[in-house]
Amino acid sequence: MEVGEDAPRCLFCGSAALTEQAALPEEIEPPNAVVSFSVSDDEADAAFRKFARSSFWYPNDIRQARLDLNRLYLPAWVFSGTIETHFAALVSAATRSGSRPVAGSERTQMQGVLVPSSSALTRAELHDISPFELVDTSAFEPDSLDEPYELGSLTRTSATDQARGLMRDMHRRDLGKQIGAKKINATALQESLSGDPVLLPIFIGAYRRKDEVYRIVINGQTGRLTGSAPISWAKIALAVLIVLGVIGTLLLCASIVAAIGSQL
């Protein structure tokens, strides 16, 4: 290559042309395993009825709402690995400022970190219905599945990036709770991070109240449920009236006591 040239020339033809080879797109891997359903349709419906009774503020009529449930196998990546987190934090202390600094590091093994690979399941929903036991599994054979399934939408690289972030946030949150941190800054390093694509057993359902539709997601292995529900404004109004009535009664009693006291 001569001084001032931008690229080396071929020794045989003198050409300086360079051919760029485009990187091959990363393929999405098929699932390695399928986690079996352990929850029946009746048990899933019972989990919803329990959810409908779980809050006083839910309307009573949703307990009898018709729930349309669908069994699905949805894709996710499951990761394990070692994480080492270095942190600096402020914790409560008997000082003038009410806090003191602490710093340190912790190393731990994390397993079963799930990253959804489906547009039908959000990360928050998967977190709420986790964990899944990845022991009762079978090989992925499409023709042998009795339920509909969805293939994944994440490549290994994308899933790994998300898993790193999840593990970092989970460990940071756990450390914060462990030391009682008021504020914490942390950096993390992961080692031996490995992941596999799997299919998870999920019930996805919906129920209607008036003109609104509410979504329910149930773990098909454990029956753990997450979902949305309306609030009964009638119950809230009744509670407000009761509180106001109690306050009014107390004020009336106080005024009566004060009046009697002034006459003595």
C-alpha atoms as a PDB file:
ATOM      1  CA  MET A   1       0.000   0.000   0.000  1.00  0.00           C
ATOM      2  CA  GLU A   2       1.460   3.340  -1.113  1.00  0.00           C
ATOM      3  CA  VAL A   3       1.583   6.428   1.087  1.00  0.00           C
ATOM      4  CA  GLY A   4      -1.594   8.491   0.617  1.00  0.00           C
ATOM      5  CA  GLU A   5      -3.711   5.610  -0.690  1.00  0.00           C
ATOM      6  CA  ASP A   6      -6.994   4.819   1.059  1.00  0.00           C
ATOM      7  CA  ALA A   7      -6.938   1.090   0.418  1.00  0.00           C
ATOM      8  CA  PRO A   8      -4.389  -1.555  -0.566  1.00  0.00           C
ATOM      9  CA  ARG A   9      -4.176  -2.548  -4.257  1.00  0.00           C
ATOM     10  CA  CYS A  10      -4.142  -6.026  -5.687  1.00  0.00           C
ATOM     11  CA  LEU A  11      -0.572  -7.127  -6.505  1.00  0.00           C
ATOM     12  CA  PHE A  12      -1.778  -8.742  -9.748  1.00  0.00           C
ATOM     13  CA  CYS A  13      -4.267  -6.298 -11.328  1.00  0.00           C
ATOM     14  CA  GLY A  14      -3.654  -3.098  -9.376  1.00  0.00           C
ATOM     15  CA  SER A  15      -7.316  -2.723  -8.417  1.00  0.00           C
ATOM     16  CA  ALA A  16      -8.191  -1.014  -5.140  1.00  0.00           C
ATOM     17  CA  ALA A  17     -11.817  -2.161  -5.147  1.00  0.00           C
ATOM     18  CA  LEU A  18     -13.027  -3.802  -1.951  1.00  0.00           C
ATOM     19  CA  THR A  19     -16.032  -6.082  -1.768  1.00  0.00           C
ATOM     20  CA  GLU A  20     -17.995  -5.933   1.487  1.00  0.00           C
ATOM     21  CA  GLN A  21     -19.642  -9.152   2.506  1.00  0.00           C
ATOM     22  CA  ALA A  22     -22.978  -8.573   4.188  1.00  0.00           C
ATOM     23  CA  ALA A  23     -23.463 -10.338   7.509  1.00  0.00           C
ATOM     24  CA  LEU A  24     -25.967 -13.170   7.387  1.00  0.00           C
ATOM     25  CA  PRO A  25     -29.142 -12.459   9.363  1.00  0.00           C
ATOM     26  CA  GLU A  26     -29.395 -14.363  12.630  1.00  0.00           C
ATOM     27  CA  GLU A  27     -32.029 -17.043  12.521  1.00  0.00           C
ATOM     28  CA  ILE A  28     -34.643 -17.500  15.220  1.00  0.00           C
ATOM     29  CA  GLU A  29     -34.118 -20.840  16.913  1.00  0.00           C
ATOM     30  CA  PRO A  30     -37.007 -23.281  17.382  1.00  0.00           C
ATOM     31  CA  PRO A  31     -37.845 -24.230  20.989  1.00  0.00           C
ATOM     32  CA  ASN A  32     -35.745 -26.897  22.626  1.00  0.00           C
ATOM     33  CA  ALA A  33     -38.415 -28.025  25.076  1.00  0.00           C
ATOM     34  CA  VAL A  34     -42.093 -27.762  25.925  1.00  0.00           C
ATOM     35  CA  VAL A  35     -43.310 -27.301  29.516  1.00  0.00           C
ATOM     36  CA  SER A  36     -46.451 -29.383  30.085  1.00  0.00           C
ATOM     37  CA  PHE A  37     -49.860 -28.124  31.220  1.00  0.00           C
ATOM     38  CA  SER A  38     -50.717 -29.209  34.772  1.00  0.00           C
ATOM     39  CA  VAL A  39     -53.779 -26.991  35.329  1.00  0.00           C
ATOM     40  CA  SER A  40     -57.176 -28.042  33.982  1.00  0.00           C
ATOM     41  CA  ASP A  41     -59.725 -25.684  32.471  1.00  0.00           C
ATOM     42  CA  ASP A  42     -61.880 -25.964  35.611  1.00  0.00           C
ATOM     43  CA  GLU A  43     -58.909 -25.141  37.837  1.00  0.00           C
ATOM     44  CA  ALA A  44     -58.058 -22.129  35.693  1.00  0.00           C
ATOM     45  CA  ASP A  45     -61.657 -20.923  35.936  1.00  0.00           C
ATOM     46  CA  ALA A  46     -61.543 -21.417  39.721  1.00  0.00           C
ATOM     47  CA  ALA A  47     -58.374 -19.320  39.873  1.00  0.00           C
ATOM     48  CA  PHE A  48     -60.245 -16.515  38.144  1.00  0.00           C
ATOM     49  CA  ARG A  49     -63.190 -16.771  40.562  1.00  0.00           C
ATOM     50  CA  LYS A  50     -60.748 -16.510  43.464  1.00  0.00           C
ATOM     51  CA  PHE A  51     -59.167 -13.467  41.822  1.00  0.00           C
ATOM     52  CA  ALA A  52     -62.624 -11.881  41.430  1.00  0.00           C
ATOM     53  CA  ARG A  53     -63.173 -12.210  45.196  1.00  0.00           C
ATOM     54  CA  SER A  54     -59.672 -11.074  46.145  1.00  0.00           C
ATOM     55  CA  SER A  55     -60.493  -7.379  46.581  1.00  0.00           C
ATOM     56  CA  PHE A  56     -63.401  -5.678  48.317  1.00  0.00           C
ATOM     57  CA  TRP A  57     -63.186  -2.928  45.702  1.00  0.00           C
ATOM     58  CA  TYR A  58     -63.975  -5.206  42.769  1.00  0.00           C
ATOM     59  CA  PRO A  59     -67.645  -5.195  41.653  1.00  0.00           C
ATOM     60  CA  ASN A  60     -69.544  -8.213  42.938  1.00  0.00           C
ATOM     61  CA  ASP A  61     -70.906  -9.052  39.504  1.00  0.00           C
ATOM     62  CA  ILE A  62     -67.509 -10.012  38.047  1.00  0.00           C
ATOM     63  CA  ARG A  63     -67.628 -13.137  40.211  1.00  0.00           C
ATOM     64  CA  GLN A  64     -70.275 -14.480  37.849  1.00  0.00           C
ATOM     65  CA  ALA A  65     -68.722 -13.056  34.686  1.00  0.00           C
ATOM     66  CA  ARG A  66     -68.258 -15.389  31.744  1.00  0.00           C
ATOM     67  CA  LEU A  67     -64.561 -16.036  31.213  1.00  0.00           C
ATOM     68  CA  ASP A  68     -63.355 -17.109  27.771  1.00  0.00           C
ATOM     69  CA  LEU A  69     -60.089 -19.004  28.223  1.00  0.00           C
ATOM     70  CA  ASN A  70     -57.658 -20.237  25.576  1.00  0.00           C
ATOM     71  CA  ARG A  71     -54.823 -22.699  26.092  1.00  0.00           C
ATOM     72  CA  LEU A  72     -51.640 -21.672  24.318  1.00  0.00           C
ATOM     73  CA  TYR A  73     -48.003 -22.607  24.244  1.00  0.00           C
ATOM     74  CA  LEU A  74     -46.096 -19.327  24.117  1.00  0.00           C
ATOM     75  CA  PRO A  75     -42.382 -18.937  23.431  1.00  0.00           C
ATOM     76  CA  ALA A  76     -39.828 -17.614  25.889  1.00  0.00           C
ATOM     77  CA  TRP A  77     -36.130 -17.861  26.577  1.00  0.00           C
ATOM     78  CA  VAL A  78     -34.917 -19.219  29.911  1.00  0.00           C
ATOM     79  CA  PHE A  79     -31.479 -18.106  31.091  1.00  0.00           C
ATOM     80  CA  SER A  80     -29.076 -18.965  33.864  1.00  0.00           C
ATOM     81  CA  GLY A  81     -25.709 -17.553  34.768  1.00  0.00           C
ATOM     82  CA  THR A  82     -23.508 -15.970  37.392  1.00  0.00           C
ATOM     83  CA  ILE A  83     -23.782 -12.266  38.146  1.00  0.00           C
ATOM     84  CA  GLU A  84     -21.425 -10.083  40.170  1.00  0.00           C
ATOM     85  CA  THR A  85     -22.765  -6.695  41.209  1.00  0.00           C
ATOM     86  CA  HIS A  86     -20.677  -3.844  42.611  1.00  0.00           C
ATOM     87  CA  PHE A  87     -22.758  -1.230  44.390  1.00  0.00           C
ATOM     88  CA  ALA A  88     -22.679   2.032  46.316  1.00  0.00           C
ATOM     89  CA  ALA A  89     -25.734   2.960  48.346  1.00  0.00           C
ATOM     90  CA  LEU A  90     -27.207   5.109  51.067  1.00  0.00           C
ATOM     91  CA  VAL A  91     -28.868   3.377  54.020  1.00  0.00           C
ATOM     92  CA  SER A  92     -30.721   4.744  57.032  1.00  0.00           C
ATOM     93  CA  ALA A  93     -28.533   5.606  60.005  1.00  0.00           C
ATOM     94  CA  ALA A  94     -28.555   7.652  63.218  1.00  0.00           C
ATOM     95  CA  THR A  95     -26.640  10.542  61.666  1.00  0.00           C
ATOM     96  CA  ARG A  96     -27.438  14.186  61.096  1.00  0.00           C
ATOM     97  CA  SER A  97     -28.519  13.452  57.526  1.00  0.00           C
ATOM     98  CA  GLY A  98     -30.377  10.282  58.518  1.00  0.00           C
ATOM     99  CA  SER A  99     -28.265   8.103  56.239  1.00  0.00           C
ATOM    100  CA  ARG A 100     -24.778   6.741  55.664  1.00  0.00           C
ATOM    101  CA  PRO A 101     -22.950   5.407  52.607  1.00  0.00           C
ATOM    102  CA  VAL A 102     -22.160   1.735  52.098  1.00  0.00           C
ATOM    103  CA  ALA A 103     -20.415  -0.039  49.262  1.00  0.00           C
ATOM    104  CA  GLY A 104     -19.609  -3.580  48.347  1.00  0.00           C
ATOM    105  CA  SER A 105     -20.113  -6.396  45.894  1.00  0.00           C
ATOM    106  CA  GLU A 106     -22.018  -9.646  45.747  1.00  0.00           C
ATOM    107  CA  ARG A 107     -21.776 -12.635  43.467  1.00  0.00           C
ATOM    108  CA  THR A 108     -24.647 -15.067  42.948  1.00  0.00           C
ATOM    109  CA  GLN A 109     -25.997 -17.697  40.604  1.00  0.00           C
ATOM    110  CA  MET A 110     -29.314 -16.898  38.896  1.00  0.00           C
ATOM    111  CA  GLN A 111     -31.513 -19.509  37.251  1.00  0.00           C
ATOM    112  CA  GLY A 112     -34.836 -19.564  35.467  1.00  0.00           C
ATOM    113  CA  VAL A 113     -34.711 -15.955  34.262  1.00  0.00           C
ATOM    114  CA  LEU A 114     -37.454 -15.743  31.638  1.00  0.00           C
ATOM    115  CA  VAL A 115     -37.552 -13.456  28.613  1.00  0.00           C
ATOM    116  CA  PRO A 116     -40.812 -13.508  26.614  1.00  0.00           C
ATOM    117  CA  SER A 117     -40.420 -14.122  22.900  1.00  0.00           C
ATOM    118  CA  SER A 118     -44.085 -13.603  22.044  1.00  0.00           C
ATOM    119  CA  SER A 119     -46.137 -10.578  21.081  1.00  0.00           C
ATOM    120  CA  ALA A 120     -49.056 -12.111  23.006  1.00  0.00           C
ATOM    121  CA  LEU A 121     -47.330 -11.947  26.405  1.00  0.00           C
ATOM    122  CA  THR A 122     -45.719  -8.935  28.024  1.00  0.00           C
ATOM    123  CA  ARG A 123     -42.658  -9.057  30.229  1.00  0.00           C
ATOM    124  CA  ALA A 124     -44.728  -7.797  33.190  1.00  0.00           C
ATOM    125  CA  GLU A 125     -47.322 -10.542  32.724  1.00  0.00           C
ATOM    126  CA  LEU A 126     -44.673 -13.248  32.467  1.00  0.00           C
ATOM    127  CA  HIS A 127     -43.015 -11.898  35.621  1.00  0.00           C
ATOM    128  CA  ASP A 128     -46.323 -11.893  37.513  1.00  0.00           C
ATOM    129  CA  ILE A 129     -47.193 -15.522  36.719  1.00  0.00           C
ATOM    130  CA  SER A 130     -43.658 -16.876  37.179  1.00  0.00           C
ATOM    131  CA  PRO A 131     -41.990 -19.118  38.166  1.00  0.00           C
ATOM    132  CA  PHE A 132     -42.235 -22.158  35.931  1.00  0.00           C
ATOM    133  CA  GLU A 133     -40.640 -25.453  36.922  1.00  0.00           C
ATOM    134  CA  LEU A 134     -38.571 -26.549  33.947  1.00  0.00           C
ATOM    135  CA  VAL A 135     -38.429 -30.216  34.928  1.00  0.00           C
ATOM    136  CA  ASP A 136     -41.649 -31.607  33.471  1.00  0.00           C
ATOM    137  CA  THR A 137     -40.722 -30.940  29.850  1.00  0.00           C
ATOM    138  CA  SER A 138     -40.784 -32.757  26.567  1.00  0.00           C
ATOM    139  CA  ALA A 139     -39.045 -32.303  23.232  1.00  0.00           C
ATOM    140  CA  PHE A 140     -40.636 -29.907  20.770  1.00  0.00           C
ATOM    141  CA  GLU A 141     -42.532 -31.959  18.200  1.00  0.00           C
ATOM    142  CA  PRO A 142     -45.164 -29.793  16.479  1.00  0.00           C
ATOM    143  CA  ASP A 143     -47.342 -32.714  15.417  1.00  0.00           C
ATOM    144  CA  SER A 144     -47.596 -34.011  18.983  1.00  0.00           C
ATOM    145  CA  LEU A 145     -48.894 -30.801  20.572  1.00  0.00           C
ATOM    146  CA  ASP A 146     -52.592 -30.748  21.393  1.00  0.00           C
ATOM    147  CA  GLU A 147     -52.735 -26.992  21.932  1.00  0.00           C
ATOM    148  CA  PRO A 148     -51.968 -24.071  19.583  1.00  0.00           C
ATOM    149  CA  TYR A 149     -48.456 -22.714  19.837  1.00  0.00           C
ATOM    150  CA  GLU A 150     -46.541 -19.660  18.689  1.00  0.00           C
ATOM    151  CA  LEU A 151     -42.952 -19.629  17.483  1.00  0.00           C
ATOM    152  CA  GLY A 152     -40.550 -17.137  19.011  1.00  0.00           C
ATOM    153  CA  SER A 153     -39.749 -13.674  17.725  1.00  0.00           C
ATOM    154  CA  LEU A 154     -36.376 -13.120  19.427  1.00  0.00           C
ATOM    155  CA  THR A 155     -32.967 -14.184  18.201  1.00  0.00           C
ATOM    156  CA  ARG A 156     -30.467 -15.533  20.696  1.00  0.00           C
ATOM    157  CA  THR A 157     -28.544 -12.243  20.620  1.00  0.00           C
ATOM    158  CA  SER A 158     -31.627 -10.144  21.349  1.00  0.00           C
ATOM    159  CA  ALA A 159     -32.813 -12.501  24.074  1.00  0.00           C
ATOM    160  CA  THR A 160     -29.373 -12.518  25.696  1.00  0.00           C
ATOM    161  CA  ASP A 161     -29.253  -8.727  25.762  1.00  0.00           C
ATOM    162  CA  GLN A 162     -32.647  -8.616  27.460  1.00  0.00           C
ATOM    163  CA  ALA A 163     -31.639 -11.322  29.927  1.00  0.00           C
ATOM    164  CA  ARG A 164     -28.549  -9.341  30.935  1.00  0.00           C
ATOM    165  CA  GLY A 165     -30.707  -6.328  31.682  1.00  0.00           C
ATOM    166  CA  LEU A 166     -33.240  -8.388  33.621  1.00  0.00           C
ATOM    167  CA  MET A 167     -30.594 -10.100  35.725  1.00  0.00           C
ATOM    168  CA  ARG A 168     -28.911  -6.769  36.435  1.00  0.00           C
ATOM    169  CA  ASP A 169     -32.184  -5.145  37.535  1.00  0.00           C
ATOM    170  CA  MET A 170     -33.267  -8.160  39.600  1.00  0.00           C
ATOM    171  CA  HIS A 171     -29.978  -8.411  41.452  1.00  0.00           C
ATOM    172  CA  ARG A 172     -29.844  -4.654  42.031  1.00  0.00           C
ATOM    173  CA  ARG A 173     -33.378  -4.716  43.457  1.00  0.00           C
ATOM    174  CA  ASP A 174     -32.612  -7.722  45.683  1.00  0.00           C
ATOM    175  CA  LEU A 175     -29.448  -6.068  46.996  1.00  0.00           C
ATOM    176  CA  GLY A 176     -31.354  -2.868  47.707  1.00  0.00           C
ATOM    177  CA  LYS A 177     -33.909  -4.771  49.798  1.00  0.00           C
ATOM    178  CA  GLN A 178     -31.221  -6.788  51.528  1.00  0.00           C
ATOM    179  CA  ILE A 179     -29.298  -3.753  52.805  1.00  0.00           C
ATOM    180  CA  GLY A 180     -32.315  -1.471  53.168  1.00  0.00           C
ATOM    181  CA  ALA A 181     -31.005   1.010  50.624  1.00  0.00           C
ATOM    182  CA  LYS A 182     -32.643   4.404  50.288  1.00  0.00           C
ATOM    183  CA  LYS A 183     -30.681   4.917  47.072  1.00  0.00           C
ATOM    184  CA  ILE A 184     -28.392   2.537  45.210  1.00  0.00           C
ATOM    185  CA  ASN A 185     -26.120   2.679  42.181  1.00  0.00           C
ATOM    186  CA  ALA A 186     -24.741  -0.534  40.766  1.00  0.00           C
ATOM    187  CA  THR A 187     -22.808  -2.082  37.917  1.00  0.00           C
ATOM    188  CA  ALA A 188     -22.979  -5.764  37.054  1.00  0.00           C
ATOM    189  CA  LEU A 189     -20.924  -8.379  35.232  1.00  0.00           C
ATOM    190  CA  GLN A 190     -22.390 -11.654  34.003  1.00  0.00           C
ATOM    191  CA  GLU A 191     -20.494 -14.876  33.469  1.00  0.00           C
ATOM    192  CA  SER A 192     -21.406 -18.245  31.972  1.00  0.00           C
ATOM    193  CA  LEU A 193     -24.698 -16.858  30.695  1.00  0.00           C
ATOM    194  CA  SER A 194     -26.624 -19.518  28.803  1.00  0.00           C
ATOM    195  CA  GLY A 195     -30.162 -19.643  27.484  1.00  0.00           C
ATOM    196  CA  ASP A 196     -32.579 -21.957  25.744  1.00  0.00           C
ATOM    197  CA  PRO A 197     -35.823 -21.290  23.856  1.00  0.00           C
ATOM    198  CA  VAL A 198     -38.846 -23.057  25.351  1.00  0.00           C
ATOM    199  CA  LEU A 199     -42.629 -23.137  25.056  1.00  0.00           C
ATOM    200  CA  LEU A 200     -44.587 -22.264  28.213  1.00  0.00           C
ATOM    201  CA  PRO A 201     -48.156 -23.382  29.018  1.00  0.00           C
ATOM    202  CA  ILE A 202     -50.348 -20.288  29.291  1.00  0.00           C
ATOM    203  CA  PHE A 203     -54.056 -19.603  29.630  1.00  0.00           C
ATOM    204  CA  ILE A 204     -55.052 -16.285  28.082  1.00  0.00           C
ATOM    205  CA  GLY A 205     -58.593 -15.173  28.681  1.00  0.00           C
ATOM    206  CA  ALA A 206     -60.934 -12.234  28.762  1.00  0.00           C
ATOM    207  CA  TYR A 207     -64.162 -11.310  30.463  1.00  0.00           C
ATOM    208  CA  ARG A 208     -66.546  -8.476  29.758  1.00  0.00           C
ATOM    209  CA  ARG A 209     -68.230  -6.090  32.142  1.00  0.00           C
ATOM    210  CA  LYS A 210     -70.610  -3.672  30.506  1.00  0.00           C
ATOM    211  CA  ASP A 211     -68.696  -2.281  27.508  1.00  0.00           C
ATOM    212  CA  GLU A 212     -65.201  -3.017  28.822  1.00  0.00           C
ATOM    213  CA  VAL A 213     -63.095  -6.129  28.218  1.00  0.00           C
ATOM    214  CA  TYR A 214     -60.536  -7.210  30.812  1.00  0.00           C
ATOM    215  CA  ARG A 215     -57.594  -9.541  30.199  1.00  0.00           C
ATOM    216  CA  ILE A 216     -56.520 -12.500  32.335  1.00  0.00           C
ATOM    217  CA  VAL A 217     -53.281 -14.525  32.037  1.00  0.00           C
ATOM    218  CA  ILE A 218     -52.788 -17.772  33.972  1.00  0.00           C
ATOM    219  CA  ASN A 219     -49.739 -19.994  34.431  1.00  0.00           C
ATOM    220  CA  GLY A 220     -50.795 -23.339  32.971  1.00  0.00           C
ATOM    221  CA  GLN A 221     -48.422 -25.193  35.284  1.00  0.00           C
ATOM    222  CA  THR A 222     -49.176 -23.580  38.673  1.00  0.00           C
ATOM    223  CA  GLY A 223     -52.432 -21.664  38.221  1.00  0.00           C
ATOM    224  CA  ARG A 224     -50.834 -18.372  39.204  1.00  0.00           C
ATOM    225  CA  LEU A 225     -52.848 -15.507  37.737  1.00  0.00           C
ATOM    226  CA  THR A 226     -52.413 -11.904  36.707  1.00  0.00           C
ATOM    227  CA  GLY A 227     -54.994  -9.628  35.194  1.00  0.00           C
ATOM    228  CA  SER A 228     -56.973  -6.438  35.303  1.00  0.00           C
ATOM    229  CA  ALA A 229     -60.276  -5.738  37.008  1.00  0.00           C
ATOM    230  CA  PRO A 230     -62.668  -2.812  37.315  1.00  0.00           C
ATOM    231  CA  ILE A 231     -63.157  -0.825  40.506  1.00  0.00           C
ATOM    232  CA  SER A 232     -66.608  -0.458  42.020  1.00  0.00           C
ATOM    233  CA  TRP A 233     -67.202   3.271  42.311  1.00  0.00           C
ATOM    234  CA  ALA A 234     -70.382   2.530  44.243  1.00  0.00           C
ATOM    235  CA  LYS A 235     -68.318   0.839  46.964  1.00  0.00           C
ATOM    236  CA  ILE A 236     -65.878   3.751  46.988  1.00  0.00           C
ATOM    237  CA  ALA A 237     -68.738   6.244  47.319  1.00  0.00           C
ATOM    238  CA  LEU A 238     -70.250   4.183  50.143  1.00  0.00           C
ATOM    239  CA  ALA A 239     -66.888   4.048  51.945  1.00  0.00           C
ATOM    240  CA  VAL A 240     -66.508   7.826  51.610  1.00  0.00           C
ATOM    241  CA  LEU A 241     -70.003   8.375  53.027  1.00  0.00           C
ATOM    242  CA  ILE A 242     -69.255   6.067  55.968  1.00  0.00           C
ATOM    243  CA  VAL A 243     -66.004   7.900  56.735  1.00  0.00           C
ATOM    244  CA  LEU A 244     -67.739  11.270  56.504  1.00  0.00           C
ATOM    245  CA  GLY A 245     -70.510   9.970  58.757  1.00  0.00           C
ATOM    246  CA  VAL A 246     -68.006   8.784  61.352  1.00  0.00           C
ATOM    247  CA  ILE A 247     -66.160  12.119  61.236  1.00  0.00           C
ATOM    248  CA  GLY A 248     -69.462  14.005  61.550  1.00  0.00           C
ATOM    249  CA  THR A 249     -70.492  11.862  64.527  1.00  0.00           C
ATOM    250  CA  LEU A 250     -67.169  12.457  66.270  1.00  0.00           C
ATOM    251  CA  LEU A 251     -67.426  16.217  65.700  1.00  0.00           C
ATOM    252  CA  LEU A 252     -70.990  16.220  67.033  1.00  0.00           C
ATOM    253  CA  CYS A 253     -69.935  14.285  70.125  1.00  0.00           C
ATOM    254  CA  ALA A 254     -67.043  16.678  70.662  1.00  0.00           C
ATOM    255  CA  SER A 255     -69.322  19.701  70.403  1.00  0.00           C
ATOM    256  CA  ILE A 256     -71.809  18.155  72.869  1.00  0.00           C
ATOM    257  CA  VAL A 257     -69.028  17.410  75.339  1.00  0.00           C
ATOM    258  CA  ALA A 258     -67.729  20.961  74.945  1.00  0.00           C
ATOM    259  CA  ALA A 259     -71.210  22.421  75.504  1.00  0.00           C
ATOM    260  CA  ILE A 260     -71.753  20.335  78.637  1.00  0.00           C
ATOM    261  CA  GLY A 261     -68.344  21.344  79.920  1.00  0.00           C
ATOM    262  CA  SER A 262     -69.106  25.062  79.467  1.00  0.00           C
ATOM    263  CA  GLN A 263     -72.314  24.734  81.508  1.00  0.00           C
ATOM    264  CA  LEU A 264     -70.593  23.118  84.467  1.00  0.00           C
END
